[in-house]
């Protein structure tokens, strides 16, 4: 009975129907017309393409008709610093960048192949056999029981990383 009363009330009130609400909303603005006749119209002159990309400043030319040749000065690179020479090896002893690898140990399979396990400062685990490159920077030269020898691929310098607890 209540549903019939609600239906009758709904039908008697035309503003409550969906069609009446749709008529009450304003229509969207009309789509602007694209004037295709503009394509064939004469275009004004532009300076596009007349500028010399290799000259700085405006695109205007000198009035006498001769182009000026710009004078360009190039700063010389600074020379590298002179490093002290190590007396024993005769090589320059440059400060080595800090090594961000820790040697966790090695694993050996039944065939006798040793694999070194290294840990980066980002907590990434790297593994490799002797002769392989790890971290795109170090080549494993030798794997021992208590240390691993790494060779920096870029400089050729070797480092020994001891096995540490923790």
N, C-alpha and C. Protein backbone atom coordinates (compact mmCIF):
# COMPACT_ATOMS: atom_id res chain seq x y z
N UNK A 1 0.83 -1.17 0.00
CA UNK A 1 0.00 0.00 0.00
C UNK A 1 0.88 1.24 0.00
N UNK A 2 1.95 1.25 0.79
CA UNK A 2 2.85 2.39 0.85
C UNK A 2 3.58 2.59 -0.47
N UNK A 3 3.87 1.49 -1.16
CA UNK A 3 4.58 1.58 -2.44
C UNK A 3 3.69 2.21 -3.49
N UNK A 4 2.37 1.89 -3.45
CA UNK A 4 1.43 2.49 -4.40
C UNK A 4 1.31 3.98 -4.16
N UNK A 5 1.30 4.39 -2.90
CA UNK A 5 1.19 5.81 -2.60
C UNK A 5 2.44 6.56 -3.07
N UNK A 6 3.59 5.95 -2.92
CA UNK A 6 4.83 6.57 -3.37
C UNK A 6 4.87 6.68 -4.89
N UNK A 7 4.38 5.67 -5.58
CA UNK A 7 4.33 5.68 -7.03
C UNK A 7 3.37 6.75 -7.53
N UNK A 8 2.22 6.88 -6.90
CA UNK A 8 1.25 7.90 -7.29
C UNK A 8 1.83 9.28 -7.05
N UNK A 9 2.52 9.48 -5.96
CA UNK A 9 3.14 10.77 -5.67
C UNK A 9 4.21 11.10 -6.70
N UNK A 10 4.96 10.12 -7.10
CA UNK A 10 6.02 10.29 -8.09
C UNK A 10 5.44 10.66 -9.44
N UNK A 11 4.35 10.02 -9.84
CA UNK A 11 3.74 10.30 -11.14
C UNK A 11 3.06 11.67 -11.16
N UNK A 12 2.51 12.10 -10.03
CA UNK A 12 1.86 13.40 -9.96
C UNK A 12 2.87 14.56 -9.95
N UNK A 13 4.10 14.33 -9.55
CA UNK A 13 5.13 15.37 -9.49
C UNK A 13 6.05 15.19 -10.70
N UNK A 14 5.86 15.92 -11.79
CA UNK A 14 6.67 15.70 -13.00
C UNK A 14 8.12 16.16 -12.82
N UNK A 15 8.43 17.01 -11.87
CA UNK A 15 9.81 17.47 -11.69
C UNK A 15 10.69 16.38 -11.11
N UNK A 16 10.11 15.34 -10.53
CA UNK A 16 10.88 14.28 -9.90
C UNK A 16 11.29 13.18 -10.86
N UNK A 17 10.76 13.13 -12.07
CA UNK A 17 11.09 12.07 -13.00
C UNK A 17 12.44 12.35 -13.66
N UNK A 18 13.16 11.32 -14.10
CA UNK A 18 14.46 11.53 -14.75
C UNK A 18 14.35 12.36 -16.03
N UNK A 19 13.30 12.18 -16.80
CA UNK A 19 13.14 12.96 -18.03
C UNK A 19 12.98 14.43 -17.71
N UNK A 20 12.26 14.75 -16.65
CA UNK A 20 12.06 16.14 -16.27
C UNK A 20 13.36 16.75 -15.77
N UNK A 21 14.16 15.97 -15.02
CA UNK A 21 15.44 16.48 -14.54
C UNK A 21 16.39 16.73 -15.70
N UNK A 22 16.37 15.85 -16.73
CA UNK A 22 17.23 16.03 -17.90
C UNK A 22 16.84 17.28 -18.67
N UNK A 23 15.55 17.60 -18.75
CA UNK A 23 15.11 18.81 -19.44
C UNK A 23 15.48 20.05 -18.66
N UNK A 24 15.57 19.95 -17.34
CA UNK A 24 15.87 21.11 -16.52
C UNK A 24 17.35 21.49 -16.60
N UNK A 25 18.26 20.54 -16.90
CA UNK A 25 19.69 20.84 -16.98
C UNK A 25 19.97 21.63 -18.25
N UNK A 26 20.90 22.60 -18.17
CA UNK A 26 21.21 23.38 -19.37
C UNK A 26 21.97 22.52 -20.39
N UNK A 27 21.78 22.84 -21.63
CA UNK A 27 22.47 22.12 -22.70
C UNK A 27 23.92 22.58 -22.77
N UNK A 28 24.82 21.69 -23.18
CA UNK A 28 26.22 22.10 -23.30
C UNK A 28 26.36 23.11 -24.43
N UNK A 29 27.40 23.94 -24.39
CA UNK A 29 27.56 24.92 -25.46
C UNK A 29 27.79 24.22 -26.80
N UNK A 30 27.40 24.84 -27.89
CA UNK A 30 27.59 24.19 -29.19
C UNK A 30 29.07 24.09 -29.53
N UNK A 31 29.41 23.09 -30.34
CA UNK A 31 30.78 22.86 -30.76
C UNK A 31 31.17 23.97 -31.74
N UNK A 32 32.31 24.62 -31.54
CA UNK A 32 32.69 25.69 -32.47
C UNK A 32 32.95 25.13 -33.86
N UNK A 33 32.61 25.91 -34.84
CA UNK A 33 32.75 25.49 -36.23
C UNK A 33 34.18 25.76 -36.67
N UNK A 34 34.78 24.81 -37.35
CA UNK A 34 36.13 24.96 -37.85
C UNK A 34 36.03 25.53 -39.26
N UNK A 35 36.69 26.65 -39.45
CA UNK A 35 36.63 27.32 -40.73
C UNK A 35 37.74 26.77 -41.63
N UNK A 36 37.40 25.86 -42.53
CA UNK A 36 38.39 25.25 -43.42
C UNK A 36 38.79 26.18 -44.55
N UNK A 37 38.06 27.27 -44.74
CA UNK A 37 38.43 28.22 -45.79
C UNK A 37 39.73 28.94 -45.44
N UNK A 38 40.13 28.93 -44.16
CA UNK A 38 41.38 29.57 -43.77
C UNK A 38 42.59 28.88 -44.37
N UNK A 39 42.48 27.60 -44.71
CA UNK A 39 43.62 26.87 -45.25
C UNK A 39 44.08 27.41 -46.59
N UNK A 40 43.16 27.85 -47.41
CA UNK A 40 43.54 28.36 -48.73
C UNK A 40 43.84 29.85 -48.72
N UNK A 41 43.66 30.52 -47.60
CA UNK A 41 43.90 31.96 -47.52
C UNK A 41 45.40 32.25 -47.56
N UNK A 42 45.77 33.42 -47.99
CA UNK A 42 47.17 33.86 -48.06
C UNK A 42 47.71 34.05 -46.65
N UNK A 43 48.92 33.55 -46.38
CA UNK A 43 49.52 33.64 -45.05
C UNK A 43 50.50 34.80 -45.02
N UNK A 44 50.63 35.45 -43.86
CA UNK A 44 51.60 36.54 -43.76
C UNK A 44 53.03 35.99 -43.77
N UNK A 45 53.96 36.82 -44.21
CA UNK A 45 55.37 36.41 -44.24
C UNK A 45 55.87 36.22 -42.81
N UNK A 46 56.71 35.21 -42.63
CA UNK A 46 57.30 34.98 -41.31
C UNK A 46 58.81 34.86 -41.48
N UNK A 47 59.51 35.00 -40.38
CA UNK A 47 60.97 34.91 -40.40
C UNK A 47 61.44 33.51 -40.07
N UNK A 48 60.55 32.54 -40.08
CA UNK A 48 60.93 31.17 -39.74
C UNK A 48 61.87 30.61 -40.79
N UNK A 49 62.95 29.99 -40.35
CA UNK A 49 63.90 29.36 -41.24
C UNK A 49 64.97 30.30 -41.76
N UNK A 50 64.93 31.58 -41.43
CA UNK A 50 65.92 32.52 -41.91
C UNK A 50 67.05 32.74 -40.91
N UNK A 51 66.89 32.26 -39.69
CA UNK A 51 67.89 32.49 -38.65
C UNK A 51 69.00 31.47 -38.77
N UNK A 52 70.26 31.95 -38.62
CA UNK A 52 71.42 31.06 -38.62
C UNK A 52 71.55 30.48 -37.22
N UNK A 53 71.42 29.17 -37.12
CA UNK A 53 71.43 28.53 -35.80
C UNK A 53 72.79 28.61 -35.12
N UNK A 54 73.84 28.86 -35.88
CA UNK A 54 75.18 28.86 -35.32
C UNK A 54 75.66 30.27 -34.97
N UNK A 55 74.83 31.25 -35.12
CA UNK A 55 75.15 32.62 -34.71
C UNK A 55 74.21 33.01 -33.59
N UNK A 56 74.76 33.71 -32.62
CA UNK A 56 73.95 34.16 -31.50
C UNK A 56 73.42 35.55 -31.80
N UNK A 57 72.33 35.87 -31.25
CA UNK A 57 71.76 37.20 -31.42
C UNK A 57 70.61 37.16 -32.40
N UNK A 58 70.33 38.31 -32.99
CA UNK A 58 69.19 38.42 -33.89
C UNK A 58 69.54 37.85 -35.26
N UNK A 59 68.52 37.69 -36.08
CA UNK A 59 68.71 37.12 -37.41
C UNK A 59 69.06 38.18 -38.44
N UNK A 60 69.21 39.44 -38.02
CA UNK A 60 69.52 40.49 -38.98
C UNK A 60 70.95 40.37 -39.48
N UNK A 61 71.19 40.79 -40.72
CA UNK A 61 72.49 40.73 -41.36
C UNK A 61 73.12 42.13 -41.36
N UNK A 62 74.44 42.21 -41.39
CA UNK A 62 75.07 43.52 -41.52
C UNK A 62 74.70 44.15 -42.87
N UNK A 63 74.64 45.48 -42.89
CA UNK A 63 74.19 46.17 -44.09
C UNK A 63 75.21 46.14 -45.21
N UNK A 64 76.51 46.02 -44.88
CA UNK A 64 77.51 46.06 -45.94
C UNK A 64 77.59 44.75 -46.72
N UNK A 65 76.88 43.74 -46.32
CA UNK A 65 76.80 42.49 -47.06
C UNK A 65 77.86 41.48 -46.67
N UNK A 66 78.82 41.85 -45.83
CA UNK A 66 79.85 40.91 -45.42
C UNK A 66 79.54 40.41 -44.01
N UNK A 67 79.65 39.11 -43.85
CA UNK A 67 79.43 38.54 -42.53
C UNK A 67 80.69 38.70 -41.69
N UNK A 68 80.50 39.03 -40.44
CA UNK A 68 81.63 39.14 -39.53
C UNK A 68 82.00 37.75 -39.04
N UNK A 69 83.29 37.52 -38.90
CA UNK A 69 83.75 36.23 -38.39
C UNK A 69 83.89 36.37 -36.88
N UNK A 70 83.13 35.59 -36.11
CA UNK A 70 83.22 35.73 -34.65
C UNK A 70 84.52 35.14 -34.13
N UNK A 71 85.05 35.74 -33.09
CA UNK A 71 86.26 35.24 -32.45
C UNK A 71 85.81 34.45 -31.22
N UNK A 72 86.19 33.20 -31.21
CA UNK A 72 85.77 32.30 -30.14
C UNK A 72 87.00 31.94 -29.33
N UNK A 73 86.90 32.08 -28.02
CA UNK A 73 87.98 31.66 -27.13
C UNK A 73 87.53 30.42 -26.38
N UNK A 74 88.37 29.43 -26.38
CA UNK A 74 88.07 28.17 -25.71
C UNK A 74 88.97 28.05 -24.50
N UNK A 75 88.41 27.89 -23.30
CA UNK A 75 89.27 27.76 -22.12
C UNK A 75 90.01 26.43 -22.15
N UNK A 76 91.27 26.47 -21.76
CA UNK A 76 92.07 25.25 -21.72
C UNK A 76 91.70 24.44 -20.49
N UNK A 77 91.70 23.12 -20.60
CA UNK A 77 91.37 22.29 -19.44
C UNK A 77 92.48 22.41 -18.40
N UNK A 78 92.07 22.30 -17.15
CA UNK A 78 93.05 22.36 -16.08
C UNK A 78 93.84 21.06 -16.05
N UNK A 79 95.14 21.13 -15.81
CA UNK A 79 95.94 19.90 -15.80
C UNK A 79 95.59 19.07 -14.57
N UNK A 80 95.74 17.75 -14.66
CA UNK A 80 95.45 16.91 -13.50
C UNK A 80 96.47 17.16 -12.40
N UNK A 81 96.07 16.94 -11.16
CA UNK A 81 97.01 17.16 -10.06
C UNK A 81 98.15 16.15 -10.11
N UNK A 82 99.30 16.58 -9.65
CA UNK A 82 100.47 15.71 -9.63
C UNK A 82 100.38 14.86 -8.38
N UNK A 83 100.43 13.54 -8.58
CA UNK A 83 100.30 12.60 -7.47
C UNK A 83 101.68 12.18 -6.99
N UNK A 84 101.83 11.94 -5.69
CA UNK A 84 103.13 11.46 -5.20
C UNK A 84 103.39 10.05 -5.71
N UNK A 85 104.67 9.77 -5.98
CA UNK A 85 105.05 8.46 -6.51
C UNK A 85 105.52 7.58 -5.38
N UNK A 86 104.99 6.35 -5.36
CA UNK A 86 105.38 5.38 -4.35
C UNK A 86 106.77 4.85 -4.73
N UNK A 87 107.72 4.91 -3.81
CA UNK A 87 109.10 4.53 -4.12
C UNK A 87 109.26 3.06 -4.43
N UNK A 88 108.52 2.18 -3.79
CA UNK A 88 108.71 0.74 -3.99
C UNK A 88 108.22 0.28 -5.35
N UNK A 89 107.03 0.72 -5.75
CA UNK A 89 106.47 0.23 -7.01
C UNK A 89 106.70 1.18 -8.17
N UNK A 90 107.01 2.46 -7.88
CA UNK A 90 107.21 3.43 -8.94
C UNK A 90 105.91 3.93 -9.54
N UNK A 91 104.77 3.55 -8.96
CA UNK A 91 103.47 3.97 -9.46
C UNK A 91 102.93 5.10 -8.61
N UNK A 92 102.10 5.91 -9.21
CA UNK A 92 101.46 6.98 -8.46
C UNK A 92 100.46 6.37 -7.49
N UNK A 93 100.55 6.76 -6.24
CA UNK A 93 99.64 6.19 -5.23
C UNK A 93 98.45 7.12 -5.07
N UNK A 94 97.44 6.89 -5.85
CA UNK A 94 96.21 7.69 -5.77
C UNK A 94 95.36 7.15 -4.64
N UNK A 95 94.58 8.02 -4.05
CA UNK A 95 93.68 7.57 -3.00
C UNK A 95 92.60 6.68 -3.60
N UNK A 96 92.47 5.49 -3.10
CA UNK A 96 91.49 4.56 -3.63
C UNK A 96 90.11 4.91 -3.10
N UNK A 97 89.09 4.80 -3.94
CA UNK A 97 87.75 5.05 -3.43
C UNK A 97 87.36 3.95 -2.44
N UNK A 98 86.48 4.26 -1.52
CA UNK A 98 86.12 3.26 -0.52
C UNK A 98 85.45 2.05 -1.17
N UNK A 99 85.79 0.90 -0.65
CA UNK A 99 85.25 -0.35 -1.16
C UNK A 99 83.96 -0.66 -0.41
N UNK A 100 82.87 -0.79 -1.11
CA UNK A 100 81.57 -0.98 -0.48
C UNK A 100 81.13 -2.44 -0.52
N UNK A 101 82.07 -3.36 -0.50
CA UNK A 101 81.76 -4.78 -0.51
C UNK A 101 82.29 -5.44 0.75
N UNK A 102 81.56 -6.42 1.25
CA UNK A 102 82.00 -7.23 2.38
C UNK A 102 82.04 -8.68 1.92
N UNK A 103 83.08 -9.40 2.36
CA UNK A 103 83.23 -10.81 2.02
C UNK A 103 82.54 -11.64 3.08
N UNK A 104 81.49 -12.37 2.64
CA UNK A 104 80.73 -13.20 3.58
C UNK A 104 81.28 -14.61 3.69
N UNK A 105 81.96 -15.07 2.64
CA UNK A 105 82.51 -16.41 2.65
C UNK A 105 82.49 -17.00 1.26
N UNK A 106 82.80 -18.29 1.19
CA UNK A 106 82.80 -18.96 -0.11
C UNK A 106 82.12 -20.31 0.01
N UNK A 107 81.64 -20.78 -1.12
CA UNK A 107 80.97 -22.07 -1.20
C UNK A 107 81.70 -22.89 -2.25
N UNK A 108 81.91 -24.19 -1.96
CA UNK A 108 82.60 -25.06 -2.90
C UNK A 108 81.73 -26.27 -3.18
N UNK A 109 81.57 -26.60 -4.45
CA UNK A 109 80.75 -27.77 -4.78
C UNK A 109 81.64 -29.01 -4.86
N UNK A 110 81.07 -30.16 -5.23
CA UNK A 110 81.81 -31.43 -5.26
C UNK A 110 82.90 -31.44 -6.32
N UNK A 111 82.71 -30.63 -7.38
CA UNK A 111 83.71 -30.57 -8.44
C UNK A 111 84.89 -29.69 -8.05
N UNK A 112 84.80 -29.01 -6.93
CA UNK A 112 85.90 -28.18 -6.45
C UNK A 112 85.84 -26.74 -6.93
N UNK A 113 84.69 -26.32 -7.46
CA UNK A 113 84.54 -24.94 -7.93
C UNK A 113 84.13 -24.07 -6.75
N UNK A 114 84.94 -23.04 -6.48
CA UNK A 114 84.64 -22.12 -5.38
C UNK A 114 83.86 -20.92 -5.92
N UNK A 115 82.88 -20.49 -5.13
CA UNK A 115 82.09 -19.31 -5.45
C UNK A 115 82.16 -18.38 -4.24
N UNK A 116 82.59 -17.12 -4.49
CA UNK A 116 82.67 -16.13 -3.42
C UNK A 116 81.32 -15.47 -3.24
N UNK A 117 80.97 -15.18 -1.99
CA UNK A 117 79.71 -14.52 -1.67
C UNK A 117 80.06 -13.16 -1.06
N UNK A 118 79.61 -12.08 -1.73
CA UNK A 118 79.91 -10.71 -1.31
C UNK A 118 78.61 -9.98 -1.01
N UNK A 119 78.68 -8.97 -0.14
CA UNK A 119 77.52 -8.18 0.23
C UNK A 119 77.85 -6.71 -0.02
N UNK A 120 76.97 -5.99 -0.75
CA UNK A 120 77.18 -4.57 -1.01
C UNK A 120 76.62 -3.74 0.14
N UNK A 121 76.89 -2.44 0.09
CA UNK A 121 76.36 -1.55 1.12
C UNK A 121 74.86 -1.39 1.00
N UNK A 122 74.28 -1.78 -0.13
CA UNK A 122 72.82 -1.74 -0.32
C UNK A 122 72.15 -3.06 0.04
N UNK A 123 72.90 -3.93 0.67
CA UNK A 123 72.41 -5.26 1.09
C UNK A 123 72.07 -6.17 -0.09
N UNK A 124 72.79 -6.01 -1.19
CA UNK A 124 72.64 -6.90 -2.35
C UNK A 124 73.71 -7.98 -2.25
N UNK A 125 73.32 -9.22 -2.49
CA UNK A 125 74.25 -10.34 -2.43
C UNK A 125 74.79 -10.60 -3.83
N UNK A 126 76.13 -10.60 -3.96
CA UNK A 126 76.80 -10.87 -5.23
C UNK A 126 77.58 -12.15 -5.10
N UNK A 127 77.55 -12.97 -6.15
CA UNK A 127 78.31 -14.20 -6.16
C UNK A 127 79.12 -14.28 -7.44
N UNK A 128 80.27 -14.95 -7.38
CA UNK A 128 81.08 -15.11 -8.58
C UNK A 128 82.24 -16.04 -8.34
N UNK A 129 82.72 -16.64 -9.42
CA UNK A 129 83.88 -17.51 -9.37
C UNK A 129 85.13 -16.70 -9.71
N UNK A 130 86.28 -17.30 -9.52
CA UNK A 130 87.54 -16.63 -9.85
C UNK A 130 87.55 -16.32 -11.35
N UNK A 131 87.89 -15.08 -11.69
CA UNK A 131 87.92 -14.64 -13.08
C UNK A 131 86.67 -13.92 -13.53
N UNK A 132 85.59 -13.99 -12.78
CA UNK A 132 84.34 -13.33 -13.15
C UNK A 132 84.32 -11.90 -12.61
N UNK A 133 83.51 -11.05 -13.24
CA UNK A 133 83.36 -9.66 -12.83
C UNK A 133 82.07 -9.51 -12.03
N UNK A 134 82.16 -8.83 -10.90
CA UNK A 134 80.99 -8.57 -10.06
C UNK A 134 80.81 -7.07 -9.94
N UNK A 135 79.59 -6.62 -9.81
CA UNK A 135 79.21 -5.22 -9.64
C UNK A 135 79.73 -4.36 -10.79
N UNK A 136 79.96 -4.94 -11.95
CA UNK A 136 80.45 -4.25 -13.15
C UNK A 136 81.72 -3.46 -12.88
N UNK A 137 82.44 -3.80 -11.84
CA UNK A 137 83.62 -3.02 -11.48
C UNK A 137 84.79 -3.87 -11.02
N UNK A 138 84.53 -5.00 -10.36
CA UNK A 138 85.60 -5.79 -9.77
C UNK A 138 85.65 -7.18 -10.40
N UNK A 139 86.88 -7.63 -10.67
CA UNK A 139 87.10 -8.99 -11.15
C UNK A 139 87.67 -9.79 -9.98
N UNK A 140 87.11 -10.96 -9.74
CA UNK A 140 87.57 -11.81 -8.64
C UNK A 140 88.87 -12.47 -9.08
N UNK A 141 89.99 -12.11 -8.42
CA UNK A 141 91.29 -12.66 -8.79
C UNK A 141 91.54 -14.01 -8.11
N UNK A 142 91.27 -14.08 -6.79
CA UNK A 142 91.53 -15.32 -6.05
C UNK A 142 90.56 -15.41 -4.90
N UNK A 143 90.09 -16.63 -4.63
CA UNK A 143 89.18 -16.87 -3.51
C UNK A 143 89.91 -17.75 -2.51
N UNK A 144 90.10 -17.22 -1.32
CA UNK A 144 90.77 -17.98 -0.27
C UNK A 144 89.77 -18.38 0.81
N UNK A 145 90.30 -18.99 1.87
CA UNK A 145 89.43 -19.39 2.98
C UNK A 145 89.03 -18.19 3.83
N UNK A 146 89.96 -17.26 4.04
CA UNK A 146 89.70 -16.14 4.93
C UNK A 146 89.68 -14.79 4.23
N UNK A 147 89.86 -14.77 2.92
CA UNK A 147 89.84 -13.50 2.19
C UNK A 147 89.57 -13.76 0.71
N UNK A 148 89.24 -12.68 0.01
CA UNK A 148 89.06 -12.73 -1.44
C UNK A 148 89.84 -11.56 -2.03
N UNK A 149 90.52 -11.79 -3.14
CA UNK A 149 91.27 -10.74 -3.83
C UNK A 149 90.45 -10.24 -5.00
N UNK A 150 90.18 -8.91 -5.02
CA UNK A 150 89.42 -8.29 -6.10
C UNK A 150 90.32 -7.34 -6.85
N UNK A 151 90.16 -7.28 -8.16
CA UNK A 151 90.92 -6.37 -9.00
C UNK A 151 89.95 -5.36 -9.62
N UNK A 152 90.23 -4.08 -9.43
CA UNK A 152 89.40 -3.02 -10.01
C UNK A 152 89.61 -3.05 -11.52
N UNK A 153 88.54 -3.23 -12.27
CA UNK A 153 88.63 -3.36 -13.72
C UNK A 153 89.13 -2.07 -14.35
N UNK A 154 88.69 -0.92 -13.82
CA UNK A 154 89.06 0.36 -14.41
C UNK A 154 90.52 0.72 -14.20
N UNK A 155 91.04 0.52 -12.99
CA UNK A 155 92.39 0.96 -12.69
C UNK A 155 93.40 -0.19 -12.64
N UNK A 156 92.93 -1.41 -12.51
CA UNK A 156 93.83 -2.56 -12.44
C UNK A 156 94.41 -2.78 -11.06
N UNK A 157 94.00 -2.02 -10.06
CA UNK A 157 94.52 -2.17 -8.71
C UNK A 157 93.82 -3.31 -8.00
N UNK A 158 94.58 -4.04 -7.19
CA UNK A 158 94.03 -5.18 -6.46
C UNK A 158 93.79 -4.82 -5.01
N UNK A 159 92.78 -5.45 -4.44
CA UNK A 159 92.45 -5.29 -3.03
C UNK A 159 92.12 -6.65 -2.45
N UNK A 160 92.46 -6.78 -1.19
CA UNK A 160 92.11 -8.02 -0.48
C UNK A 160 91.07 -7.67 0.55
N UNK A 161 89.94 -8.40 0.52
CA UNK A 161 88.87 -8.19 1.48
C UNK A 161 88.88 -9.37 2.45
N UNK A 162 89.11 -9.11 3.73
CA UNK A 162 89.14 -10.21 4.69
C UNK A 162 87.72 -10.67 5.06
N UNK A 163 87.63 -11.90 5.51
CA UNK A 163 86.37 -12.45 6.01
C UNK A 163 86.12 -11.85 7.38
N UNK A 164 84.93 -11.31 7.57
CA UNK A 164 84.59 -10.68 8.84
C UNK A 164 83.36 -11.34 9.43
N UNK A 165 83.34 -11.47 10.72
CA UNK A 165 82.14 -11.93 11.40
C UNK A 165 81.17 -10.78 11.50
N UNK A 166 79.91 -11.01 11.27
CA UNK A 166 78.84 -9.99 11.25
C UNK A 166 78.72 -9.50 9.85
